[in-house]
N, C-alpha and C. Protein backbone atom coordinates (compact mmCIF):
# COMPACT_ATOMS: atom_id res chain seq x y z
N MET A 1 22.32 44.57 -6.89
CA MET A 1 22.67 43.19 -6.54
C MET A 1 23.16 42.42 -7.61
N LYS A 2 24.23 41.66 -7.21
CA LYS A 2 24.88 40.90 -8.30
C LYS A 2 23.93 39.66 -8.63
N ALA A 3 24.18 39.09 -9.84
CA ALA A 3 23.41 37.80 -10.09
C ALA A 3 23.68 36.75 -9.19
N GLU A 4 24.92 36.63 -8.66
CA GLU A 4 25.20 35.61 -7.86
C GLU A 4 24.46 35.61 -6.52
N GLU A 5 24.39 36.97 -6.01
CA GLU A 5 23.69 37.28 -4.69
C GLU A 5 22.17 36.94 -4.92
N ARG A 6 21.59 37.41 -6.06
CA ARG A 6 20.10 37.14 -6.45
C ARG A 6 19.84 35.72 -6.45
N LEU A 7 20.72 34.93 -6.93
CA LEU A 7 20.49 33.43 -7.07
C LEU A 7 20.58 32.90 -5.71
N LYS A 8 21.45 33.31 -4.89
CA LYS A 8 21.62 32.83 -3.45
C LYS A 8 20.29 33.27 -2.70
N TYR A 9 19.86 34.43 -2.85
CA TYR A 9 18.70 35.02 -2.22
C TYR A 9 17.39 34.12 -2.67
N CYS A 10 17.29 33.83 -4.00
CA CYS A 10 16.29 33.18 -4.45
C CYS A 10 16.19 31.67 -3.93
N LYS A 11 17.29 31.04 -3.88
CA LYS A 11 17.45 29.69 -3.22
C LYS A 11 16.97 29.64 -1.78
N TYR A 12 17.47 30.76 -1.06
CA TYR A 12 17.04 30.86 0.30
C TYR A 12 15.49 30.95 0.47
N LEU A 13 14.93 31.88 -0.35
CA LEU A 13 13.41 32.00 -0.41
C LEU A 13 12.65 30.76 -0.73
N LEU A 14 13.27 30.03 -1.64
CA LEU A 14 12.63 28.81 -2.14
C LEU A 14 12.61 27.66 -0.94
N GLN A 15 13.75 27.72 -0.27
CA GLN A 15 13.92 26.68 0.75
C GLN A 15 12.95 27.18 2.02
N ALA A 16 12.82 28.39 2.14
CA ALA A 16 12.01 28.80 3.22
C ALA A 16 10.43 28.56 2.98
N LEU A 17 10.11 28.81 1.68
CA LEU A 17 8.64 28.80 1.19
C LEU A 17 8.26 27.35 0.89
N LEU A 18 9.12 26.47 0.46
CA LEU A 18 8.82 25.07 -0.01
C LEU A 18 8.00 24.27 1.14
N PRO A 19 8.43 24.30 2.26
CA PRO A 19 7.65 23.40 3.29
C PRO A 19 6.19 24.01 3.48
N VAL A 20 6.13 25.38 3.52
CA VAL A 20 4.79 25.90 3.59
C VAL A 20 3.95 25.74 2.50
N LEU A 21 4.36 25.75 1.28
CA LEU A 21 3.86 25.51 0.07
C LEU A 21 3.34 23.97 0.00
N ASN A 22 4.23 23.17 0.41
CA ASN A 22 3.83 21.67 0.47
C ASN A 22 2.68 21.35 1.40
N GLN A 23 2.73 22.13 2.60
CA GLN A 23 1.70 22.01 3.64
C GLN A 23 0.33 22.44 3.09
N ILE A 24 0.30 23.56 2.38
CA ILE A 24 -0.84 24.02 1.72
C ILE A 24 -1.47 23.10 0.67
N HIS A 25 -0.54 22.48 -0.12
CA HIS A 25 -0.93 21.58 -1.07
C HIS A 25 -1.55 20.44 -0.49
N GLU A 26 -1.02 19.87 0.59
CA GLU A 26 -1.46 18.60 1.25
C GLU A 26 -2.88 18.90 1.87
N GLU A 27 -3.04 20.13 2.41
CA GLU A 27 -4.34 20.46 3.03
C GLU A 27 -5.39 20.56 1.98
N GLN A 28 -5.04 21.17 0.80
CA GLN A 28 -6.00 21.37 -0.26
C GLN A 28 -6.28 19.93 -0.87
N ALA A 29 -5.35 19.04 -0.95
CA ALA A 29 -5.60 17.67 -1.41
C ALA A 29 -6.68 16.97 -0.51
N MET A 30 -6.38 17.10 0.75
CA MET A 30 -7.27 16.52 1.72
C MET A 30 -8.79 17.15 1.57
N GLU A 31 -8.72 18.40 1.49
CA GLU A 31 -10.06 19.03 1.38
C GLU A 31 -10.82 18.54 0.16
N LYS A 32 -10.14 18.39 -0.94
CA LYS A 32 -10.64 18.02 -2.24
C LYS A 32 -11.29 16.59 -2.23
N GLU A 33 -10.59 15.78 -1.27
CA GLU A 33 -11.06 14.35 -1.01
C GLU A 33 -12.16 14.42 -0.07
N LEU A 34 -12.24 15.16 0.87
CA LEU A 34 -13.40 15.17 1.92
C LEU A 34 -14.50 15.89 1.41
N GLU A 35 -14.50 16.91 0.64
CA GLU A 35 -15.58 17.72 0.22
C GLU A 35 -16.72 17.03 -0.47
N PRO A 36 -16.41 16.05 -1.40
CA PRO A 36 -17.51 15.24 -2.04
C PRO A 36 -18.18 14.38 -0.99
N LYS A 37 -17.34 13.81 0.02
CA LYS A 37 -18.04 13.03 0.97
C LYS A 37 -19.00 13.88 1.79
N ILE A 38 -18.53 15.05 2.11
CA ILE A 38 -19.43 15.93 3.02
C ILE A 38 -20.70 16.24 2.27
N GLN A 39 -20.44 16.65 1.05
CA GLN A 39 -21.69 17.00 0.14
C GLN A 39 -22.57 15.71 0.08
N GLY A 40 -21.88 14.55 -0.06
CA GLY A 40 -22.81 13.48 -0.29
C GLY A 40 -23.63 13.12 0.99
N VAL A 41 -23.03 13.30 2.19
CA VAL A 41 -23.83 13.09 3.37
C VAL A 41 -24.93 14.07 3.55
N TRP A 42 -24.52 15.30 3.19
CA TRP A 42 -25.42 16.46 3.23
C TRP A 42 -26.70 16.21 2.27
N LEU A 43 -26.45 15.70 1.15
CA LEU A 43 -27.53 15.42 0.18
C LEU A 43 -28.32 14.34 0.67
N LYS A 44 -27.74 13.29 1.22
CA LYS A 44 -28.67 12.20 1.81
C LYS A 44 -29.41 12.73 2.98
N LEU A 45 -28.99 13.68 3.82
CA LEU A 45 -29.79 14.16 4.81
C LEU A 45 -30.88 15.03 4.27
N VAL A 46 -30.66 15.82 3.25
CA VAL A 46 -31.64 16.62 2.72
C VAL A 46 -32.84 15.80 1.97
N HIS A 47 -32.37 14.63 1.43
CA HIS A 47 -33.26 13.86 0.77
C HIS A 47 -34.12 13.11 1.90
N HIS A 48 -33.67 12.86 3.01
CA HIS A 48 -34.44 12.25 3.99
C HIS A 48 -35.28 13.21 4.92
N LEU A 49 -35.04 14.51 4.70
CA LEU A 49 -35.81 15.54 5.63
C LEU A 49 -37.26 15.33 5.59
N PRO A 50 -37.92 15.20 4.52
CA PRO A 50 -39.42 15.01 4.60
C PRO A 50 -39.75 13.76 5.55
N PHE A 51 -39.01 12.69 5.35
CA PHE A 51 -39.24 11.43 6.25
C PHE A 51 -39.15 11.80 7.83
N LEU A 52 -37.96 12.52 7.97
CA LEU A 52 -37.57 12.93 9.40
C LEU A 52 -38.70 13.86 9.98
N ASN A 53 -39.17 14.75 9.23
CA ASN A 53 -40.26 15.58 9.56
C ASN A 53 -41.51 14.87 9.87
N GLN A 54 -41.85 13.86 9.11
CA GLN A 54 -43.03 13.09 9.32
C GLN A 54 -42.90 12.32 10.60
N ILE A 55 -41.78 11.73 10.91
CA ILE A 55 -41.52 10.99 12.15
C ILE A 55 -41.67 11.95 13.26
N HIS A 56 -41.15 13.18 13.17
CA HIS A 56 -41.23 14.19 14.26
C HIS A 56 -42.70 14.52 14.57
N GLU A 57 -43.41 14.77 13.43
CA GLU A 57 -44.86 15.14 13.63
C GLU A 57 -45.60 13.97 14.32
N GLU A 58 -45.28 12.73 13.86
CA GLU A 58 -46.00 11.60 14.45
C GLU A 58 -45.67 11.48 15.92
N GLN A 59 -44.40 11.71 16.39
CA GLN A 59 -43.97 11.76 17.77
C GLN A 59 -44.67 12.78 18.43
N ALA A 60 -44.80 13.98 17.94
CA ALA A 60 -45.40 15.12 18.64
C ALA A 60 -46.82 14.79 18.85
N MET A 61 -47.51 14.22 17.85
CA MET A 61 -48.91 13.92 17.97
C MET A 61 -49.18 12.84 19.04
N GLY A 62 -48.16 11.80 19.12
CA GLY A 62 -48.25 10.85 20.09
C GLY A 62 -48.00 11.34 21.45
N ASP A 63 -47.14 12.40 21.55
CA ASP A 63 -46.88 13.15 22.90
C ASP A 63 -48.13 13.71 23.34
N ALA A 64 -48.69 14.44 22.44
CA ALA A 64 -49.98 15.28 22.74
C ALA A 64 -51.13 14.31 23.20
N GLU A 65 -51.22 13.15 22.51
CA GLU A 65 -52.22 12.27 22.93
C GLU A 65 -51.98 11.57 24.29
N THR A 66 -50.74 11.34 24.52
CA THR A 66 -50.22 10.80 25.92
C THR A 66 -50.51 11.90 26.94
N LEU A 67 -50.21 13.04 26.63
CA LEU A 67 -50.49 14.19 27.58
C LEU A 67 -51.93 14.39 27.80
N ALA A 68 -52.83 14.26 26.81
CA ALA A 68 -54.28 14.36 26.96
C ALA A 68 -54.73 13.28 27.80
N ILE A 69 -54.30 12.09 27.61
CA ILE A 69 -54.69 10.92 28.59
C ILE A 69 -54.20 11.19 29.97
N MET A 70 -53.05 11.67 30.17
CA MET A 70 -52.52 11.81 31.52
C MET A 70 -53.30 12.92 32.23
N LEU A 71 -53.76 13.98 31.51
CA LEU A 71 -54.54 15.00 32.09
C LEU A 71 -56.00 14.70 32.36
N SER A 72 -56.54 13.66 31.75
CA SER A 72 -57.84 13.55 31.81
C SER A 72 -58.17 12.49 33.02
């Protein structure tokens, strides 16, 4: 393959791949921006889990008391 043909082929490949590479780059940039936000929300939820469990237990106890009253 001549140098001129190789250059033409390389330009063709670059033109074909550039839009795909740009798309991948944009998606990765968005992911890098969103991931800390997702992790932050997750950490907040994990931090509040003991509190949410306490509320759930209190509701369950209240439901059991209500059921006992209704059955008596």
